[in-house]
N, C-alpha and C. Protein backbone atom coordinates (compact mmCIF):
# COMPACT_ATOMS: atom_id res chain seq x y z
N MET A 1 20.24 31.55 17.31
CA MET A 1 19.50 32.76 16.98
C MET A 1 18.37 32.43 16.00
N GLU A 2 18.60 31.47 15.12
CA GLU A 2 17.56 31.12 14.15
C GLU A 2 16.28 30.66 14.85
N LEU A 3 16.43 29.88 15.90
CA LEU A 3 15.25 29.42 16.63
C LEU A 3 14.52 30.57 17.31
N ILE A 4 15.27 31.52 17.83
CA ILE A 4 14.65 32.67 18.48
C ILE A 4 13.84 33.47 17.47
N VAL A 5 14.44 33.73 16.31
CA VAL A 5 13.74 34.50 15.27
C VAL A 5 12.52 33.71 14.77
N LEU A 6 12.69 32.42 14.54
CA LEU A 6 11.59 31.59 14.06
C LEU A 6 10.45 31.54 15.08
N ARG A 7 10.78 31.31 16.33
CA ARG A 7 9.75 31.20 17.37
C ARG A 7 9.08 32.55 17.64
N ALA A 8 9.75 33.64 17.31
CA ALA A 8 9.16 34.97 17.50
C ALA A 8 8.02 35.22 16.51
N ASN A 9 7.88 34.35 15.51
CA ASN A 9 6.74 34.46 14.58
C ASN A 9 5.42 34.45 15.33
N ILE A 10 5.39 33.73 16.43
CA ILE A 10 4.16 33.62 17.23
C ILE A 10 3.68 34.99 17.67
N TYR A 11 4.61 35.88 17.95
CA TYR A 11 4.27 37.19 18.51
C TYR A 11 4.13 38.29 17.47
N TYR A 12 4.37 37.95 16.20
CA TYR A 12 4.34 38.98 15.16
C TYR A 12 2.93 39.12 14.59
N ASP A 13 2.47 40.36 14.50
CA ASP A 13 1.18 40.68 13.89
C ASP A 13 1.47 41.32 12.54
N GLU A 14 1.18 40.59 11.47
CA GLU A 14 1.54 41.09 10.14
C GLU A 14 0.71 42.30 9.71
N HIS A 15 -0.46 42.49 10.29
CA HIS A 15 -1.28 43.65 9.93
C HIS A 15 -0.80 44.90 10.65
N ALA A 16 -0.49 44.77 11.93
CA ALA A 16 0.00 45.92 12.70
C ALA A 16 1.50 46.12 12.51
N LYS A 17 2.18 45.12 11.96
CA LYS A 17 3.63 45.17 11.72
C LYS A 17 4.40 45.38 13.03
N ASN A 18 4.05 44.55 14.03
CA ASN A 18 4.79 44.62 15.29
C ASN A 18 4.75 43.28 16.00
N TRP A 19 5.66 43.14 16.94
CA TRP A 19 5.68 41.98 17.82
C TRP A 19 5.01 42.39 19.12
N THR A 20 4.18 41.53 19.67
CA THR A 20 3.56 41.79 20.96
C THR A 20 3.86 40.61 21.87
N GLN A 21 4.58 40.89 22.93
CA GLN A 21 4.90 39.87 23.93
C GLN A 21 4.04 40.15 25.15
N TYR A 22 3.17 39.22 25.48
CA TYR A 22 2.30 39.39 26.64
C TYR A 22 3.06 38.96 27.89
N ILE A 23 3.17 39.88 28.82
CA ILE A 23 3.90 39.63 30.05
C ILE A 23 2.99 38.93 31.06
N ASP A 24 1.78 39.42 31.20
CA ASP A 24 0.77 38.78 32.04
C ASP A 24 -0.59 39.23 31.53
N ASP A 25 -1.62 39.06 32.34
CA ASP A 25 -2.97 39.42 31.90
C ASP A 25 -3.16 40.92 31.69
N GLU A 26 -2.33 41.73 32.34
CA GLU A 26 -2.51 43.17 32.25
C GLU A 26 -1.49 43.87 31.35
N TYR A 27 -0.31 43.31 31.23
CA TYR A 27 0.78 44.02 30.57
C TYR A 27 1.30 43.26 29.36
N SER A 28 1.71 44.05 28.38
CA SER A 28 2.36 43.48 27.21
C SER A 28 3.43 44.45 26.73
N PHE A 29 4.33 43.92 25.95
CA PHE A 29 5.41 44.71 25.38
C PHE A 29 5.23 44.68 23.87
N VAL A 30 5.11 45.86 23.25
CA VAL A 30 4.90 45.95 21.81
C VAL A 30 6.16 46.55 21.18
N PHE A 31 6.68 45.84 20.17
CA PHE A 31 7.86 46.31 19.47
C PHE A 31 7.51 46.47 17.99
N PRO A 32 7.33 47.71 17.53
CA PRO A 32 7.00 47.94 16.12
C PRO A 32 8.19 47.63 15.21
N MET A 33 7.90 47.02 14.09
CA MET A 33 8.96 46.63 13.17
C MET A 33 9.70 47.84 12.59
N HIS A 34 9.02 48.97 12.46
CA HIS A 34 9.67 50.15 11.86
C HIS A 34 10.86 50.63 12.70
N LEU A 35 10.94 50.21 13.95
CA LEU A 35 12.09 50.59 14.77
C LEU A 35 13.38 49.92 14.28
N LEU A 36 13.25 48.93 13.40
CA LEU A 36 14.43 48.26 12.85
C LEU A 36 15.02 49.00 11.65
N ILE A 37 14.34 50.01 11.15
CA ILE A 37 14.81 50.72 9.96
C ILE A 37 16.24 51.25 10.13
N PRO A 38 16.58 51.88 11.25
CA PRO A 38 17.95 52.41 11.36
C PRO A 38 19.02 51.34 11.66
N GLU A 39 18.61 50.11 11.89
CA GLU A 39 19.58 49.06 12.23
C GLU A 39 20.53 48.81 11.06
N LYS A 40 21.71 48.36 11.41
CA LYS A 40 22.75 48.09 10.40
C LYS A 40 22.40 46.88 9.56
N ARG A 41 23.05 46.79 8.41
CA ARG A 41 22.99 45.65 7.50
C ARG A 41 21.58 45.38 6.97
N ASP A 42 20.77 46.42 6.89
CA ASP A 42 19.43 46.33 6.30
C ASP A 42 18.56 45.27 6.99
N LEU A 43 18.61 45.24 8.30
CA LEU A 43 17.84 44.27 9.07
C LEU A 43 16.34 44.39 8.80
N TYR A 44 15.86 45.61 8.68
CA TYR A 44 14.43 45.84 8.45
C TYR A 44 13.96 45.13 7.18
N ASN A 45 14.64 45.37 6.07
CA ASN A 45 14.22 44.75 4.81
C ASN A 45 14.44 43.24 4.81
N SER A 46 15.43 42.79 5.54
CA SER A 46 15.64 41.34 5.65
C SER A 46 14.47 40.69 6.37
N TYR A 47 13.99 41.33 7.43
CA TYR A 47 12.80 40.83 8.12
C TYR A 47 11.58 40.87 7.19
N LYS A 48 11.44 41.96 6.45
CA LYS A 48 10.30 42.07 5.53
C LYS A 48 10.30 40.92 4.52
N ASN A 49 11.46 40.65 3.93
CA ASN A 49 11.56 39.55 2.96
C ASN A 49 11.23 38.21 3.61
N TYR A 50 11.77 38.01 4.79
CA TYR A 50 11.51 36.77 5.52
C TYR A 50 10.02 36.61 5.81
N PHE A 51 9.40 37.65 6.34
CA PHE A 51 7.97 37.57 6.67
C PHE A 51 7.11 37.41 5.43
N ASN A 52 7.49 38.05 4.34
CA ASN A 52 6.71 37.91 3.10
C ASN A 52 6.70 36.47 2.60
N LYS A 53 7.77 35.75 2.87
CA LYS A 53 7.83 34.34 2.46
C LYS A 53 7.22 33.41 3.50
N MET A 54 7.50 33.67 4.76
CA MET A 54 7.12 32.73 5.82
C MET A 54 5.66 32.85 6.24
N LEU A 55 5.20 34.05 6.50
CA LEU A 55 3.89 34.21 7.13
C LEU A 55 2.72 33.66 6.32
N PRO A 56 2.68 33.84 5.00
CA PRO A 56 1.54 33.28 4.27
C PRO A 56 1.49 31.75 4.33
N GLU A 57 2.63 31.12 4.47
CA GLU A 57 2.68 29.66 4.49
C GLU A 57 2.45 29.10 5.89
N TRP A 58 2.89 29.83 6.87
CA TRP A 58 2.83 29.34 8.24
C TRP A 58 1.41 29.36 8.78
N ASN A 59 0.67 30.42 8.53
CA ASN A 59 -0.72 30.55 8.95
C ASN A 59 -0.94 30.30 10.44
N LYS A 60 0.01 30.69 11.25
CA LYS A 60 -0.09 30.56 12.72
C LYS A 60 -0.34 29.12 13.17
N ASP A 61 0.14 28.18 12.38
CA ASP A 61 -0.01 26.76 12.70
C ASP A 61 1.18 26.33 13.56
N ILE A 62 0.92 26.02 14.81
CA ILE A 62 1.99 25.71 15.76
C ILE A 62 2.69 24.40 15.40
N VAL A 63 2.01 23.47 14.76
CA VAL A 63 2.65 22.21 14.34
C VAL A 63 3.69 22.50 13.27
N ILE A 64 3.35 23.35 12.33
CA ILE A 64 4.33 23.74 11.30
C ILE A 64 5.52 24.42 11.95
N LEU A 65 5.25 25.31 12.89
CA LEU A 65 6.34 26.01 13.58
C LEU A 65 7.23 25.03 14.35
N ASP A 66 6.63 24.07 15.01
CA ASP A 66 7.41 23.09 15.76
C ASP A 66 8.27 22.23 14.83
N LEU A 67 7.70 21.79 13.72
CA LEU A 67 8.47 20.97 12.78
C LEU A 67 9.58 21.78 12.11
N LEU A 68 9.29 23.03 11.77
CA LEU A 68 10.34 23.89 11.22
C LEU A 68 11.45 24.13 12.25
N SER A 69 11.07 24.25 13.51
CA SER A 69 12.07 24.43 14.57
C SER A 69 13.01 23.23 14.62
N ALA A 70 12.45 22.04 14.50
CA ALA A 70 13.28 20.83 14.51
C ALA A 70 14.17 20.78 13.27
N ILE A 71 13.65 21.18 12.13
CA ILE A 71 14.45 21.19 10.89
C ILE A 71 15.61 22.18 11.02
N VAL A 72 15.34 23.33 11.60
CA VAL A 72 16.39 24.34 11.80
C VAL A 72 17.41 23.85 12.83
N LEU A 73 16.91 23.23 13.88
CA LEU A 73 17.80 22.75 14.95
C LEU A 73 18.74 21.66 14.45
N PHE A 74 18.22 20.73 13.68
CA PHE A 74 19.04 19.63 13.17
C PHE A 74 19.63 20.00 11.81
N ASN A 75 20.47 21.01 11.81
CA ASN A 75 21.12 21.48 10.60
C ASN A 75 22.52 20.86 10.53
N PRO A 76 22.76 19.97 9.56
CA PRO A 76 24.08 19.32 9.48
C PRO A 76 25.19 20.25 9.00
N ASN A 77 24.85 21.45 8.59
CA ASN A 77 25.85 22.38 8.08
C ASN A 77 26.41 23.32 9.14
N ARG A 78 26.10 23.06 10.38
CA ARG A 78 26.64 23.89 11.46
C ARG A 78 28.13 23.62 11.62
N PRO A 79 28.88 24.62 12.03
CA PRO A 79 30.32 24.41 12.23
C PRO A 79 30.58 23.48 13.42
N ASN A 80 31.69 22.79 13.35
CA ASN A 80 32.15 21.89 14.42
C ASN A 80 31.17 20.76 14.72
N MET A 81 30.45 20.32 13.70
CA MET A 81 29.50 19.23 13.87
C MET A 81 30.26 17.92 14.00
N VAL A 82 29.92 17.13 14.99
CA VAL A 82 30.64 15.88 15.24
C VAL A 82 30.12 14.76 14.35
N ASN A 83 28.81 14.57 14.29
CA ASN A 83 28.24 13.47 13.54
C ASN A 83 27.21 14.00 12.54
N ARG A 84 27.71 14.52 11.43
CA ARG A 84 26.85 15.14 10.42
C ARG A 84 25.80 14.18 9.87
N GLU A 85 26.18 12.94 9.67
CA GLU A 85 25.25 11.97 9.08
C GLU A 85 24.04 11.75 9.99
N ALA A 86 24.26 11.62 11.27
CA ALA A 86 23.15 11.42 12.21
C ALA A 86 22.26 12.66 12.27
N VAL A 87 22.87 13.82 12.27
CA VAL A 87 22.10 15.07 12.31
C VAL A 87 21.30 15.22 11.02
N MET A 88 21.92 14.88 9.89
CA MET A 88 21.23 14.96 8.60
C MET A 88 20.04 14.00 8.56
N ALA A 89 20.21 12.81 9.13
CA ALA A 89 19.11 11.83 9.17
C ALA A 89 17.95 12.37 10.01
N GLU A 90 18.27 13.01 11.13
CA GLU A 90 17.22 13.60 11.97
C GLU A 90 16.50 14.71 11.21
N GLN A 91 17.26 15.56 10.55
CA GLN A 91 16.64 16.65 9.80
C GLN A 91 15.73 16.11 8.70
N LYS A 92 16.20 15.09 7.99
CA LYS A 92 15.38 14.49 6.92
C LYS A 92 14.09 13.91 7.48
N MET A 93 14.17 13.34 8.69
CA MET A 93 12.97 12.79 9.31
C MET A 93 11.95 13.91 9.57
N TYR A 94 12.41 15.05 10.08
CA TYR A 94 11.50 16.16 10.35
C TYR A 94 10.97 16.80 9.07
N VAL A 95 11.79 16.81 8.03
CA VAL A 95 11.32 17.29 6.73
C VAL A 95 10.20 16.37 6.24
N TYR A 96 10.40 15.07 6.36
CA TYR A 96 9.38 14.10 5.96
C TYR A 96 8.10 14.29 6.78
N LEU A 97 8.25 14.47 8.09
CA LEU A 97 7.07 14.68 8.95
C LEU A 97 6.31 15.94 8.55
N LEU A 98 7.04 16.99 8.21
CA LEU A 98 6.38 18.22 7.76
C LEU A 98 5.65 17.98 6.44
N GLN A 99 6.27 17.25 5.53
CA GLN A 99 5.60 16.92 4.26
C GLN A 99 4.31 16.14 4.51
N ARG A 100 4.38 15.14 5.37
CA ARG A 100 3.21 14.33 5.68
C ARG A 100 2.12 15.17 6.34
N TYR A 101 2.52 16.02 7.26
CA TYR A 101 1.55 16.87 7.95
C TYR A 101 0.83 17.78 6.95
N LEU A 102 1.59 18.40 6.05
CA LEU A 102 1.00 19.29 5.05
C LEU A 102 0.07 18.52 4.11
N MET A 103 0.45 17.30 3.77
CA MET A 103 -0.39 16.48 2.90
C MET A 103 -1.73 16.16 3.58
N ILE A 104 -1.66 15.83 4.86
CA ILE A 104 -2.88 15.53 5.60
C ILE A 104 -3.73 16.79 5.78
N LYS A 105 -3.08 17.89 6.05
CA LYS A 105 -3.81 19.14 6.30
C LYS A 105 -4.47 19.69 5.05
N TYR A 106 -3.78 19.65 3.92
CA TYR A 106 -4.30 20.29 2.70
C TYR A 106 -4.93 19.32 1.71
N HIS A 107 -4.77 18.05 1.89
CA HIS A 107 -5.40 17.00 1.08
C HIS A 107 -4.93 16.95 -0.37
N TRP A 108 -4.58 18.06 -0.93
CA TRP A 108 -4.15 18.10 -2.32
C TRP A 108 -2.63 18.08 -2.39
N GLU A 109 -2.10 17.18 -3.16
CA GLU A 109 -0.64 17.04 -3.24
C GLU A 109 0.00 18.32 -3.77
N TRP A 110 -0.59 18.93 -4.79
CA TRP A 110 0.00 20.14 -5.36
C TRP A 110 0.05 21.27 -4.33
N GLN A 111 -0.98 21.35 -3.50
CA GLN A 111 -1.03 22.41 -2.49
C GLN A 111 -0.01 22.15 -1.37
N SER A 112 0.08 20.92 -0.93
CA SER A 112 1.03 20.60 0.14
C SER A 112 2.47 20.74 -0.35
N LYS A 113 2.73 20.37 -1.60
CA LYS A 113 4.08 20.52 -2.15
C LYS A 113 4.45 22.00 -2.31
N SER A 114 3.49 22.80 -2.70
CA SER A 114 3.72 24.23 -2.84
C SER A 114 4.03 24.85 -1.47
N LYS A 115 3.23 24.51 -0.48
CA LYS A 115 3.46 25.01 0.89
C LYS A 115 4.83 24.58 1.39
N MET A 116 5.16 23.32 1.16
CA MET A 116 6.44 22.79 1.63
C MET A 116 7.60 23.53 0.96
N ALA A 117 7.52 23.71 -0.33
CA ALA A 117 8.59 24.41 -1.05
C ALA A 117 8.73 25.85 -0.55
N ASN A 118 7.61 26.51 -0.35
CA ASN A 118 7.66 27.90 0.13
C ASN A 118 8.22 27.99 1.55
N LEU A 119 7.84 27.06 2.40
CA LEU A 119 8.38 27.05 3.76
C LEU A 119 9.89 26.82 3.75
N MET A 120 10.32 25.85 2.97
CA MET A 120 11.75 25.55 2.91
C MET A 120 12.53 26.70 2.26
N ASN A 121 11.91 27.39 1.31
CA ASN A 121 12.56 28.53 0.66
C ASN A 121 12.65 29.75 1.57
N SER A 122 11.90 29.75 2.66
CA SER A 122 11.99 30.87 3.60
C SER A 122 13.15 30.68 4.58
N LEU A 123 13.69 29.47 4.67
CA LEU A 123 14.75 29.21 5.65
C LEU A 123 16.06 29.96 5.37
N PRO A 124 16.48 30.14 4.11
CA PRO A 124 17.67 30.98 3.90
C PRO A 124 17.46 32.43 4.37
N ASP A 125 16.25 32.94 4.24
CA ASP A 125 15.96 34.28 4.75
C ASP A 125 16.01 34.30 6.28
N LEU A 126 15.55 33.23 6.89
CA LEU A 126 15.66 33.10 8.34
C LEU A 126 17.13 33.11 8.77
N GLN A 127 17.96 32.37 8.03
CA GLN A 127 19.39 32.35 8.34
C GLN A 127 20.02 33.73 8.18
N LEU A 128 19.61 34.45 7.14
CA LEU A 128 20.14 35.79 6.90
C LEU A 128 19.76 36.74 8.04
N VAL A 129 18.48 36.76 8.40
CA VAL A 129 18.02 37.62 9.49
C VAL A 129 18.78 37.29 10.78
N SER A 130 18.93 36.01 11.05
CA SER A 130 19.62 35.58 12.26
C SER A 130 21.08 36.01 12.25
N ALA A 131 21.73 35.87 11.11
CA ALA A 131 23.14 36.27 11.00
C ALA A 131 23.29 37.78 11.21
N ILE A 132 22.37 38.55 10.65
CA ILE A 132 22.41 40.01 10.83
C ILE A 132 22.18 40.36 12.29
N GLU A 133 21.21 39.71 12.91
CA GLU A 133 20.93 39.96 14.34
C GLU A 133 22.18 39.68 15.18
N VAL A 134 22.87 38.58 14.88
CA VAL A 134 24.07 38.23 15.63
C VAL A 134 25.17 39.26 15.40
N GLU A 135 25.41 39.61 14.13
CA GLU A 135 26.46 40.59 13.82
C GLU A 135 26.17 41.93 14.47
N ASN A 136 24.93 42.39 14.37
CA ASN A 136 24.57 43.67 14.98
C ASN A 136 24.69 43.59 16.50
N GLY A 137 24.28 42.47 17.06
CA GLY A 137 24.38 42.30 18.51
C GLY A 137 25.81 42.25 18.99
N VAL A 138 26.67 41.56 18.26
CA VAL A 138 28.08 41.49 18.64
C VAL A 138 28.71 42.88 18.56
N GLU A 139 28.38 43.62 17.51
CA GLU A 139 28.90 44.98 17.40
C GLU A 139 28.41 45.85 18.54
N ASP A 140 27.13 45.71 18.89
CA ASP A 140 26.59 46.50 19.99
C ASP A 140 27.28 46.16 21.30
N ILE A 141 27.49 44.88 21.54
CA ILE A 141 28.16 44.45 22.77
C ILE A 141 29.60 44.97 22.78
N ASN A 142 30.28 44.85 21.64
CA ASN A 142 31.66 45.35 21.57
C ASN A 142 31.73 46.85 21.80
N SER A 143 30.79 47.59 21.22
CA SER A 143 30.82 49.05 21.41
C SER A 143 30.51 49.41 22.86
N ILE A 144 29.61 48.67 23.50
CA ILE A 144 29.33 48.91 24.92
C ILE A 144 30.56 48.60 25.76
N MET A 145 31.21 47.47 25.44
CA MET A 145 32.41 47.11 26.20
C MET A 145 33.52 48.13 25.97
N ASP A 146 33.69 48.59 24.72
CA ASP A 146 34.70 49.61 24.44
C ASP A 146 34.41 50.89 25.21
N GLU A 147 33.15 51.28 25.23
CA GLU A 147 32.75 52.49 25.94
C GLU A 147 33.02 52.35 27.44
N GLU A 148 32.65 51.21 28.00
CA GLU A 148 32.90 50.99 29.42
C GLU A 148 34.39 50.95 29.72
N PHE A 149 35.17 50.36 28.81
CA PHE A 149 36.61 50.30 28.99
C PHE A 149 37.19 51.72 28.99
N LEU A 150 36.74 52.54 28.04
CA LEU A 150 37.25 53.91 27.97
C LEU A 150 36.85 54.70 29.21
N GLN A 151 35.63 54.47 29.68
CA GLN A 151 35.19 55.16 30.90
C GLN A 151 36.01 54.71 32.10
N SER A 152 36.31 53.43 32.17
CA SER A 152 37.11 52.95 33.30
C SER A 152 38.54 53.46 33.20
N ARG A 153 39.05 53.62 31.98
CA ARG A 153 40.40 54.17 31.79
C ARG A 153 40.43 55.63 32.22
N ALA A 154 39.33 56.33 31.99
CA ALA A 154 39.27 57.74 32.38
C ALA A 154 39.23 57.87 33.90
N LYS A 155 38.61 56.90 34.56
CA LYS A 155 38.51 56.95 36.01
C LYS A 155 39.80 56.50 36.68
N THR A 156 40.54 55.64 36.02
CA THR A 156 41.79 55.15 36.58
C THR A 156 42.93 55.55 35.66
N GLY A 157 44.08 55.64 36.20
CA GLY A 157 45.25 55.94 35.38
C GLY A 157 45.65 54.70 34.60
N SER A 158 46.61 54.84 33.73
CA SER A 158 47.04 53.70 32.93
C SER A 158 47.68 52.63 33.79
N ASP A 159 48.12 52.99 35.01
CA ASP A 159 48.71 52.00 35.90
C ASP A 159 47.65 51.29 36.75
N GLY A 160 46.37 51.62 36.52
CA GLY A 160 45.29 50.96 37.23
C GLY A 160 44.92 51.64 38.53
N LYS A 161 45.69 52.65 38.95
CA LYS A 161 45.37 53.37 40.18
C LYS A 161 44.37 54.45 39.86
N SER A 162 43.59 54.81 40.84
CA SER A 162 42.60 55.85 40.64
C SER A 162 43.27 57.15 40.27
N ALA A 163 42.76 57.75 39.24
CA ALA A 163 43.28 59.04 38.83
C ALA A 163 42.48 60.11 39.55
N LYS A 164 43.18 61.04 40.13
CA LYS A 164 42.50 62.12 40.83
C LYS A 164 42.45 63.32 39.91
N LYS A 165 41.34 63.94 39.95
CA LYS A 165 41.17 65.12 39.13
C LYS A 165 42.03 66.23 39.72
N LYS A 166 42.88 66.78 38.90
CA LYS A 166 43.77 67.83 39.37
C LYS A 166 43.11 69.17 39.11
N GLY A 167 43.00 69.92 40.15
CA GLY A 167 42.43 71.25 40.04
C GLY A 167 43.50 72.28 40.33
N PRO A 168 43.12 73.51 40.42
CA PRO A 168 44.11 74.54 40.74
C PRO A 168 44.65 74.31 42.14
N LYS A 169 45.92 74.63 42.30
CA LYS A 169 46.53 74.46 43.61
C LYS A 169 45.89 75.42 44.58
N LYS A 170 45.68 74.91 45.76
CA LYS A 170 45.10 75.76 46.79
C LYS A 170 46.16 76.71 47.32
N ASN A 171 45.74 77.90 47.54
CA ASN A 171 46.62 78.87 48.18
C ASN A 171 46.50 78.62 49.67
N ASP A 172 47.57 78.20 50.30
CA ASP A 172 47.46 77.82 51.70
C ASP A 172 47.62 79.02 52.63
N ASN A 173 46.86 80.04 52.32
CA ASN A 173 46.75 81.25 53.15
C ASN A 173 48.07 81.97 53.36
N ARG A 174 48.99 81.79 52.47
CA ARG A 174 50.21 82.58 52.54
C ARG A 174 49.95 83.92 51.88
N GLU A 175 50.58 84.90 52.39
CA GLU A 175 50.40 86.23 51.81
C GLU A 175 51.12 86.30 50.49
N ASP A 176 50.51 87.00 49.59
CA ASP A 176 51.10 87.19 48.28
C ASP A 176 52.36 88.03 48.44
N SER A 177 53.46 87.54 47.96
CA SER A 177 54.74 88.23 48.15
C SER A 177 55.01 89.28 47.09
N SER A 178 54.06 89.48 46.21
CA SER A 178 54.30 90.45 45.15
C SER A 178 54.22 91.88 45.65
N GLY A 179 53.55 92.07 46.74
CA GLY A 179 53.46 93.39 47.32
C GLY A 179 52.37 94.24 46.73
N ASP A 180 51.60 93.73 45.79
CA ASP A 180 50.50 94.50 45.20
C ASP A 180 49.30 94.40 46.11
N ASP A 181 48.84 95.49 46.60
CA ASP A 181 47.64 95.50 47.44
C ASP A 181 46.57 96.30 46.82
């Protein structure tokens, strides 16, 4: 999820406060950030904090985004990691490459170090946003599954056979024996 959120930076317009995904030359899909306000676990403000840290440093530089993607991907702290040392070495290599790239791009050591620190400090916010997205998504999926389960239970009896809606018994044209006419 972290890579999806990180790579979605490409589509985010910080002035319009929305994501725009271009489908083709004629069509695009626009998702305004304010639609996240009602989401659980304060997703909206988590995105705001993340973007406030990430966007000024990223500057729509695809090389920075690619190197950050590699740093996020090679995270030795993931659960069930088999070879943490090798993954950590890969991550350190990409951190070094990002440092070198920033040094070449900005020429001034103080500026490149500041950019690097700010980019790395945005990664915990990226992890938080991703975790919230996953939790909210899992809850949404579970609620959809629960709803579908309840609907299927309503359509079938507890024994799995189709439940028929019982209505009033039909009067099979027998005369009323009460004698009231």
